[in-house]
Amino acid sequence: MAARRSVVAVRDVVLLLARVGLGVVLLAHGWQKYHDLGIDQTAAGFAQVGIPLPTLAASVVTYLELVGGALLILGLLVPVVGVLVALEMAGAIAFVHAPYGVFVTEGGWELALLTGLLALTLAAFGSGRVGLDALLFRRRRRRQAEPVEGPE
């Protein structure tokens, strides 16, 4: 029993570190697009590499990274954010990085792939017990697990 608790505690710490780390990176990239470059310049860059609807895409990606990064840090809606970020990274690979090979130093897809896979892992495993998802949705799971007594 103690070994199981140990494994669960380690899992929770690893999930916490993974989602906070990814959240910080996403926030930084979102902030860069929003504050440093601006949506217009981000959209121009997207248009240059052939991303469809570049202004819409720039807005969606910027706010996904800002809001999604914050949500990951808080551990809130982690499965949803994880799927959305994985889809964003699939688009980044397809539209931007694929022609340049693997290595990020040459514009390749390795970082986008790892970011997308980490996001997908978080989507599959959630926030762990150290996050708002666990706090807010634990009660709901407990209530759903309780047997319902019917008329006798």
N, C-alpha and C. Protein backbone atom coordinates (compact mmCIF):
# COMPACT_ATOMS: atom_id res chain seq x y z
N MET A 1 0.82 -1.20 0.00
CA MET A 1 0.00 0.00 0.00
C MET A 1 0.86 1.26 0.00
N ALA A 2 1.93 1.26 0.81
CA ALA A 2 2.82 2.43 0.86
C ALA A 2 3.53 2.61 -0.47
N ALA A 3 3.89 1.50 -1.13
CA ALA A 3 4.56 1.59 -2.43
C ALA A 3 3.63 2.22 -3.47
N ARG A 4 2.37 1.85 -3.42
CA ARG A 4 1.39 2.42 -4.36
C ARG A 4 1.26 3.92 -4.13
N ARG A 5 1.18 4.34 -2.86
CA ARG A 5 1.09 5.77 -2.55
C ARG A 5 2.33 6.51 -3.05
N SER A 6 3.47 5.87 -2.93
CA SER A 6 4.72 6.45 -3.41
C SER A 6 4.69 6.67 -4.91
N VAL A 7 4.23 5.67 -5.64
CA VAL A 7 4.14 5.77 -7.10
C VAL A 7 3.17 6.87 -7.49
N VAL A 8 2.03 6.94 -6.82
CA VAL A 8 1.04 7.98 -7.12
C VAL A 8 1.61 9.36 -6.81
N ALA A 9 2.33 9.49 -5.71
CA ALA A 9 2.92 10.78 -5.35
C ALA A 9 3.96 11.20 -6.38
N VAL A 10 4.79 10.27 -6.82
CA VAL A 10 5.79 10.57 -7.85
C VAL A 10 5.09 10.99 -9.14
N ARG A 11 4.05 10.25 -9.51
CA ARG A 11 3.29 10.60 -10.72
C ARG A 11 2.74 12.02 -10.63
N ASP A 12 2.19 12.36 -9.47
CA ASP A 12 1.63 13.71 -9.29
C ASP A 12 2.69 14.79 -9.41
N VAL A 13 3.87 14.54 -8.87
CA VAL A 13 4.97 15.51 -8.95
C VAL A 13 5.43 15.65 -10.41
N VAL A 14 5.56 14.53 -11.11
CA VAL A 14 5.99 14.57 -12.51
C VAL A 14 4.96 15.32 -13.36
N LEU A 15 3.67 15.04 -13.16
CA LEU A 15 2.63 15.75 -13.91
C LEU A 15 2.65 17.24 -13.58
N LEU A 16 2.85 17.58 -12.32
CA LEU A 16 2.94 18.99 -11.93
C LEU A 16 4.10 19.68 -12.65
N LEU A 17 5.28 19.07 -12.60
CA LEU A 17 6.45 19.66 -13.25
C LEU A 17 6.24 19.79 -14.77
N ALA A 18 5.68 18.75 -15.38
CA ALA A 18 5.46 18.77 -16.83
C ALA A 18 4.48 19.86 -17.23
N ARG A 19 3.37 19.97 -16.51
CA ARG A 19 2.37 20.97 -16.93
C ARG A 19 2.79 22.38 -16.59
N VAL A 20 3.49 22.59 -15.48
CA VAL A 20 3.99 23.93 -15.16
C VAL A 20 5.08 24.32 -16.16
N GLY A 21 5.98 23.40 -16.46
CA GLY A 21 7.02 23.69 -17.44
C GLY A 21 6.45 24.04 -18.80
N LEU A 22 5.53 23.22 -19.29
CA LEU A 22 4.89 23.50 -20.58
C LEU A 22 4.09 24.79 -20.51
N GLY A 23 3.39 25.01 -19.41
CA GLY A 23 2.60 26.23 -19.25
C GLY A 23 3.46 27.48 -19.32
N VAL A 24 4.61 27.46 -18.68
CA VAL A 24 5.53 28.61 -18.71
C VAL A 24 6.03 28.87 -20.13
N VAL A 25 6.40 27.81 -20.84
CA VAL A 25 6.88 27.96 -22.22
C VAL A 25 5.77 28.51 -23.11
N LEU A 26 4.56 27.99 -22.96
CA LEU A 26 3.44 28.49 -23.77
C LEU A 26 3.14 29.95 -23.45
N LEU A 27 3.13 30.29 -22.17
CA LEU A 27 2.90 31.69 -21.78
C LEU A 27 3.95 32.61 -22.40
N ALA A 28 5.19 32.20 -22.37
CA ALA A 28 6.27 33.02 -22.94
C ALA A 28 6.06 33.22 -24.44
N HIS A 29 5.71 32.16 -25.15
CA HIS A 29 5.49 32.28 -26.59
C HIS A 29 4.24 33.10 -26.89
N GLY A 30 3.19 32.91 -26.11
CA GLY A 30 1.98 33.71 -26.29
C GLY A 30 2.24 35.19 -26.02
N TRP A 31 3.00 35.47 -24.96
CA TRP A 31 3.34 36.85 -24.62
C TRP A 31 4.17 37.49 -25.73
N GLN A 32 5.10 36.72 -26.28
CA GLN A 32 5.92 37.23 -27.38
C GLN A 32 5.04 37.61 -28.58
N LYS A 33 4.08 36.75 -28.91
CA LYS A 33 3.19 37.04 -30.03
C LYS A 33 2.28 38.23 -29.73
N TYR A 34 1.80 38.32 -28.51
CA TYR A 34 0.85 39.37 -28.14
C TYR A 34 1.54 40.71 -27.91
N HIS A 35 2.58 40.72 -27.10
CA HIS A 35 3.19 41.96 -26.63
C HIS A 35 4.37 42.41 -27.49
N ASP A 36 5.29 41.51 -27.74
CA ASP A 36 6.52 41.89 -28.44
C ASP A 36 6.29 42.07 -29.94
N LEU A 37 5.67 41.08 -30.58
CA LEU A 37 5.43 41.16 -32.02
C LEU A 37 4.10 41.84 -32.34
N GLY A 38 3.08 41.51 -31.58
CA GLY A 38 1.72 41.97 -31.88
C GLY A 38 1.04 40.99 -32.83
N ILE A 39 -0.27 40.98 -32.79
CA ILE A 39 -1.05 40.05 -33.62
C ILE A 39 -0.79 40.31 -35.10
N ASP A 40 -0.70 41.58 -35.50
CA ASP A 40 -0.51 41.90 -36.92
C ASP A 40 0.81 41.34 -37.46
N GLN A 41 1.88 41.53 -36.72
CA GLN A 41 3.17 41.02 -37.17
C GLN A 41 3.20 39.50 -37.12
N THR A 42 2.56 38.92 -36.12
CA THR A 42 2.47 37.46 -36.05
C THR A 42 1.69 36.94 -37.25
N ALA A 43 0.58 37.61 -37.58
CA ALA A 43 -0.23 37.21 -38.74
C ALA A 43 0.57 37.34 -40.04
N ALA A 44 1.37 38.38 -40.15
CA ALA A 44 2.20 38.56 -41.35
C ALA A 44 3.20 37.41 -41.48
N GLY A 45 3.78 37.01 -40.37
CA GLY A 45 4.69 35.87 -40.38
C GLY A 45 3.98 34.58 -40.76
N PHE A 46 2.76 34.41 -40.24
CA PHE A 46 1.97 33.23 -40.58
C PHE A 46 1.63 33.22 -42.07
N ALA A 47 1.26 34.38 -42.61
CA ALA A 47 0.93 34.48 -44.03
C ALA A 47 2.14 34.14 -44.89
N GLN A 48 3.30 34.58 -44.46
CA GLN A 48 4.53 34.35 -45.21
C GLN A 48 4.86 32.87 -45.36
N VAL A 49 4.51 32.06 -44.37
CA VAL A 49 4.78 30.62 -44.46
C VAL A 49 3.58 29.83 -44.97
N GLY A 50 2.50 30.53 -45.34
CA GLY A 50 1.36 29.87 -45.97
C GLY A 50 0.30 29.33 -45.04
N ILE A 51 0.25 29.82 -43.82
CA ILE A 51 -0.80 29.38 -42.90
C ILE A 51 -2.12 30.01 -43.35
N PRO A 52 -3.17 29.21 -43.54
CA PRO A 52 -4.46 29.75 -43.98
C PRO A 52 -5.05 30.68 -42.91
N LEU A 53 -5.82 31.66 -43.36
CA LEU A 53 -6.46 32.63 -42.47
C LEU A 53 -5.47 33.13 -41.41
N PRO A 54 -4.40 33.75 -41.83
CA PRO A 54 -3.30 34.07 -40.91
C PRO A 54 -3.68 34.98 -39.74
N THR A 55 -4.58 35.94 -39.96
CA THR A 55 -4.96 36.82 -38.85
C THR A 55 -5.75 36.05 -37.80
N LEU A 56 -6.70 35.24 -38.26
CA LEU A 56 -7.46 34.41 -37.33
C LEU A 56 -6.54 33.40 -36.64
N ALA A 57 -5.69 32.76 -37.41
CA ALA A 57 -4.76 31.77 -36.84
C ALA A 57 -3.84 32.42 -35.81
N ALA A 58 -3.34 33.61 -36.11
CA ALA A 58 -2.44 34.30 -35.17
C ALA A 58 -3.17 34.62 -33.87
N SER A 59 -4.41 35.07 -33.98
CA SER A 59 -5.20 35.37 -32.77
C SER A 59 -5.46 34.11 -31.96
N VAL A 60 -5.91 33.06 -32.63
CA VAL A 60 -6.23 31.81 -31.93
C VAL A 60 -4.99 31.24 -31.24
N VAL A 61 -3.88 31.18 -31.96
CA VAL A 61 -2.65 30.61 -31.40
C VAL A 61 -2.14 31.46 -30.24
N THR A 62 -2.17 32.78 -30.41
CA THR A 62 -1.69 33.67 -29.35
C THR A 62 -2.49 33.47 -28.07
N TYR A 63 -3.82 33.48 -28.18
CA TYR A 63 -4.64 33.35 -26.98
C TYR A 63 -4.63 31.93 -26.43
N LEU A 64 -4.49 30.93 -27.31
CA LEU A 64 -4.34 29.56 -26.81
C LEU A 64 -3.08 29.45 -25.96
N GLU A 65 -2.00 30.03 -26.44
CA GLU A 65 -0.75 29.95 -25.68
C GLU A 65 -0.82 30.74 -24.38
N LEU A 66 -1.41 31.93 -24.41
CA LEU A 66 -1.52 32.73 -23.19
C LEU A 66 -2.46 32.08 -22.18
N VAL A 67 -3.69 31.83 -22.61
CA VAL A 67 -4.71 31.28 -21.70
C VAL A 67 -4.40 29.82 -21.39
N GLY A 68 -4.05 29.05 -22.41
CA GLY A 68 -3.73 27.64 -22.20
C GLY A 68 -2.54 27.46 -21.29
N GLY A 69 -1.52 28.30 -21.46
CA GLY A 69 -0.35 28.23 -20.58
C GLY A 69 -0.73 28.48 -19.13
N ALA A 70 -1.55 29.50 -18.91
CA ALA A 70 -2.00 29.80 -17.54
C ALA A 70 -2.84 28.66 -16.97
N LEU A 71 -3.73 28.09 -17.79
CA LEU A 71 -4.57 26.98 -17.33
C LEU A 71 -3.72 25.76 -16.97
N LEU A 72 -2.70 25.48 -17.77
CA LEU A 72 -1.82 24.35 -17.43
C LEU A 72 -1.11 24.58 -16.11
N ILE A 73 -0.62 25.79 -15.88
CA ILE A 73 0.06 26.09 -14.62
C ILE A 73 -0.89 25.88 -13.45
N LEU A 74 -2.14 26.29 -13.62
CA LEU A 74 -3.14 26.12 -12.56
C LEU A 74 -3.66 24.69 -12.46
N GLY A 75 -3.45 23.90 -13.49
CA GLY A 75 -3.97 22.54 -13.51
C GLY A 75 -5.46 22.50 -13.78
N LEU A 76 -5.94 23.42 -14.60
CA LEU A 76 -7.37 23.53 -14.89
C LEU A 76 -7.64 23.23 -16.36
N LEU A 77 -8.58 22.35 -16.61
CA LEU A 77 -8.96 21.94 -17.97
C LEU A 77 -7.77 21.37 -18.75
N VAL A 78 -6.92 20.67 -18.05
CA VAL A 78 -5.68 20.16 -18.63
C VAL A 78 -5.92 19.25 -19.84
N PRO A 79 -6.88 18.31 -19.81
CA PRO A 79 -7.09 17.48 -21.00
C PRO A 79 -7.49 18.28 -22.24
N VAL A 80 -8.34 19.27 -22.06
CA VAL A 80 -8.78 20.10 -23.19
C VAL A 80 -7.61 20.91 -23.74
N VAL A 81 -6.89 21.58 -22.86
CA VAL A 81 -5.74 22.39 -23.29
C VAL A 81 -4.70 21.49 -23.96
N GLY A 82 -4.47 20.33 -23.40
CA GLY A 82 -3.49 19.41 -23.98
C GLY A 82 -3.81 19.03 -25.41
N VAL A 83 -5.07 18.72 -25.68
CA VAL A 83 -5.48 18.37 -27.05
C VAL A 83 -5.32 19.57 -27.98
N LEU A 84 -5.75 20.74 -27.53
CA LEU A 84 -5.64 21.94 -28.37
C LEU A 84 -4.19 22.28 -28.69
N VAL A 85 -3.32 22.19 -27.71
CA VAL A 85 -1.90 22.48 -27.95
C VAL A 85 -1.29 21.43 -28.88
N ALA A 86 -1.67 20.17 -28.71
CA ALA A 86 -1.16 19.12 -29.61
C ALA A 86 -1.59 19.40 -31.05
N LEU A 87 -2.83 19.85 -31.23
CA LEU A 87 -3.30 20.21 -32.58
C LEU A 87 -2.54 21.41 -33.12
N GLU A 88 -2.29 22.40 -32.27
CA GLU A 88 -1.50 23.56 -32.69
C GLU A 88 -0.12 23.12 -33.16
N MET A 89 0.52 22.24 -32.42
CA MET A 89 1.86 21.79 -32.78
C MET A 89 1.84 20.95 -34.06
N ALA A 90 0.79 20.18 -34.27
CA ALA A 90 0.66 19.43 -35.53
C ALA A 90 0.59 20.41 -36.70
N GLY A 91 -0.16 21.49 -36.53
CA GLY A 91 -0.23 22.52 -37.56
C GLY A 91 1.11 23.20 -37.77
N ALA A 92 1.83 23.47 -36.69
CA ALA A 92 3.15 24.11 -36.80
C ALA A 92 4.11 23.21 -37.57
N ILE A 93 4.04 21.92 -37.30
CA ILE A 93 4.91 20.98 -38.03
C ILE A 93 4.53 20.96 -39.50
N ALA A 94 3.24 20.82 -39.78
CA ALA A 94 2.78 20.70 -41.17
C ALA A 94 3.05 21.96 -41.98
N PHE A 95 2.77 23.12 -41.42
CA PHE A 95 2.85 24.36 -42.18
C PHE A 95 4.22 25.04 -42.13
N VAL A 96 4.99 24.79 -41.09
CA VAL A 96 6.22 25.56 -40.91
C VAL A 96 7.47 24.67 -40.91
N HIS A 97 7.51 23.67 -40.06
CA HIS A 97 8.77 22.99 -39.76
C HIS A 97 9.10 21.77 -40.62
N ALA A 98 8.11 21.11 -41.20
CA ALA A 98 8.35 19.85 -41.91
C ALA A 98 9.44 19.93 -42.99
N PRO A 99 9.48 20.97 -43.81
CA PRO A 99 10.49 20.99 -44.88
C PRO A 99 11.93 21.11 -44.39
N TYR A 100 12.12 21.45 -43.13
CA TYR A 100 13.46 21.75 -42.64
C TYR A 100 14.12 20.60 -41.88
N GLY A 101 13.49 19.44 -41.89
CA GLY A 101 14.08 18.29 -41.21
C GLY A 101 13.84 18.30 -39.71
N VAL A 102 14.61 17.52 -39.02
CA VAL A 102 14.40 17.29 -37.59
C VAL A 102 14.89 18.44 -36.72
N PHE A 103 16.05 18.94 -36.97
CA PHE A 103 16.76 19.77 -36.00
C PHE A 103 16.25 21.21 -35.92
N VAL A 104 15.97 21.64 -34.71
CA VAL A 104 15.42 22.98 -34.47
C VAL A 104 16.41 24.06 -34.90
N THR A 105 17.70 23.78 -34.86
CA THR A 105 18.70 24.78 -35.27
C THR A 105 18.58 25.13 -36.75
N GLU A 106 17.92 24.27 -37.51
CA GLU A 106 17.71 24.54 -38.93
C GLU A 106 16.24 24.77 -39.24
N GLY A 107 15.45 25.10 -38.20
CA GLY A 107 14.02 25.34 -38.40
C GLY A 107 13.18 24.09 -38.39
N GLY A 108 13.77 22.98 -37.97
CA GLY A 108 13.09 21.68 -38.00
C GLY A 108 12.02 21.51 -36.93
N TRP A 109 11.45 20.32 -36.92
CA TRP A 109 10.23 20.05 -36.16
C TRP A 109 10.42 19.41 -34.80
N GLU A 110 11.65 19.18 -34.34
CA GLU A 110 11.84 18.43 -33.10
C GLU A 110 11.16 19.07 -31.89
N LEU A 111 11.28 20.38 -31.73
CA LEU A 111 10.69 21.06 -30.57
C LEU A 111 9.16 21.04 -30.64
N ALA A 112 8.62 21.28 -31.83
CA ALA A 112 7.16 21.24 -31.99
C ALA A 112 6.62 19.84 -31.71
N LEU A 113 7.35 18.82 -32.17
CA LEU A 113 6.92 17.44 -31.91
C LEU A 113 6.92 17.13 -30.42
N LEU A 114 8.01 17.47 -29.74
CA LEU A 114 8.09 17.19 -28.30
C LEU A 114 7.05 17.99 -27.52
N THR A 115 6.83 19.23 -27.89
CA THR A 115 5.80 20.05 -27.24
C THR A 115 4.43 19.42 -27.43
N GLY A 116 4.13 19.01 -28.66
CA GLY A 116 2.84 18.38 -28.95
C GLY A 116 2.65 17.06 -28.22
N LEU A 117 3.71 16.26 -28.16
CA LEU A 117 3.61 14.98 -27.45
C LEU A 117 3.46 15.17 -25.95
N LEU A 118 4.16 16.15 -25.39
CA LEU A 118 3.99 16.45 -23.96
C LEU A 118 2.56 16.92 -23.70
N ALA A 119 2.04 17.77 -24.57
CA ALA A 119 0.66 18.25 -24.41
C ALA A 119 -0.33 17.08 -24.50
N LEU A 120 -0.09 16.17 -25.43
CA LEU A 120 -0.95 15.00 -25.59
C LEU A 120 -0.87 14.08 -24.37
N THR A 121 0.32 13.94 -23.81
CA THR A 121 0.49 13.15 -22.59
C THR A 121 -0.32 13.76 -21.45
N LEU A 122 -0.26 15.08 -21.31
CA LEU A 122 -1.05 15.75 -20.27
C LEU A 122 -2.54 15.60 -20.54
N ALA A 123 -2.94 15.62 -21.81
CA ALA A 123 -4.35 15.41 -22.15
C ALA A 123 -4.80 14.02 -21.69
N ALA A 124 -3.94 13.03 -21.86
CA ALA A 124 -4.29 11.66 -21.50
C ALA A 124 -4.29 11.42 -19.99
N PHE A 125 -3.34 12.02 -19.27
CA PHE A 125 -3.19 11.73 -17.85
C PHE A 125 -3.72 12.82 -16.93
N GLY A 126 -4.04 13.99 -17.46
CA GLY A 126 -4.61 15.06 -16.65
C GLY A 126 -3.59 15.76 -15.78
N SER A 127 -4.11 16.50 -14.82
CA SER A 127 -3.25 17.36 -14.00
C SER A 127 -2.64 16.64 -12.81
N GLY A 128 -3.10 15.45 -12.51
CA GLY A 128 -2.68 14.81 -11.27
C GLY A 128 -3.47 15.40 -10.11
N ARG A 129 -3.08 15.04 -8.90
CA ARG A 129 -3.83 15.51 -7.73
C ARG A 129 -3.47 16.92 -7.31
N VAL A 130 -2.40 17.49 -7.90
CA VAL A 130 -1.96 18.83 -7.53
C VAL A 130 -2.36 19.79 -8.64
N GLY A 131 -3.63 20.15 -8.65
CA GLY A 131 -4.14 21.06 -9.67
C GLY A 131 -5.61 21.32 -9.42
N LEU A 132 -6.11 22.36 -10.06
CA LEU A 132 -7.51 22.71 -9.85
C LEU A 132 -8.48 21.67 -10.40
N ASP A 133 -8.09 20.96 -11.47
CA ASP A 133 -8.97 19.89 -11.97
C ASP A 133 -9.27 18.89 -10.86
N ALA A 134 -8.25 18.46 -10.14
CA ALA A 134 -8.44 17.49 -9.06
C ALA A 134 -9.31 18.06 -7.96
N LEU A 135 -9.08 19.31 -7.62
CA LEU A 135 -9.84 19.95 -6.55
C LEU A 135 -11.30 20.14 -6.94
N LEU A 136 -11.55 20.63 -8.14
CA LEU A 136 -12.91 20.96 -8.55
C LEU A 136 -13.72 19.74 -8.97
N PHE A 137 -13.05 18.77 -9.60
CA PHE A 137 -13.80 17.65 -10.16
C PHE A 137 -13.75 16.40 -9.29
N ARG A 138 -13.00 16.42 -8.21
CA ARG A 138 -12.93 15.27 -7.30
C ARG A 138 -14.30 15.01 -6.68
N ARG A 139 -14.96 16.08 -6.24
CA ARG A 139 -16.28 15.91 -5.62
C ARG A 139 -17.26 15.29 -6.59
N ARG A 140 -17.22 15.74 -7.83
CA ARG A 140 -18.13 15.21 -8.84
C ARG A 140 -17.89 13.71 -9.03
N ARG A 141 -16.63 13.29 -9.11
CA ARG A 141 -16.32 11.87 -9.28
C ARG A 141 -16.79 11.06 -8.08
N ARG A 142 -16.61 11.63 -6.87
CA ARG A 142 -17.06 10.92 -5.67
C ARG A 142 -18.58 10.76 -5.69
N ARG A 143 -19.28 11.82 -6.06
CA ARG A 143 -20.74 11.75 -6.10
C ARG A 143 -21.21 10.74 -7.13
N GLN A 144 -20.54 10.69 -8.28
CA GLN A 144 -20.94 9.75 -9.32
C GLN A 144 -20.66 8.31 -8.89
N ALA A 145 -19.67 8.12 -8.05
CA ALA A 145 -19.31 6.77 -7.61
C ALA A 145 -20.21 6.26 -6.48
N GLU A 146 -20.90 7.16 -5.79
CA GLU A 146 -21.76 6.73 -4.69
C GLU A 146 -22.96 5.98 -5.23
N PRO A 147 -23.32 4.87 -4.59
CA PRO A 147 -24.49 4.12 -5.06
C PRO A 147 -25.76 4.93 -4.83
N VAL A 148 -26.64 4.83 -5.78
CA VAL A 148 -27.92 5.52 -5.68
C VAL A 148 -28.94 4.53 -5.13
N GLU A 149 -29.60 4.94 -4.07
CA GLU A 149 -30.60 4.06 -3.48
C GLU A 149 -31.94 4.32 -4.15
N GLY A 150 -32.56 3.26 -4.56
CA GLY A 150 -33.87 3.38 -5.19
C GLY A 150 -34.96 2.94 -4.23
N PRO A 151 -36.19 3.05 -4.67
CA PRO A 151 -37.31 2.61 -3.82
C PRO A 151 -37.26 1.10 -3.61
N GLU A 152 -37.63 0.69 -2.43
CA GLU A 152 -37.59 -0.74 -2.12
C GLU A 152 -38.92 -1.38 -2.33
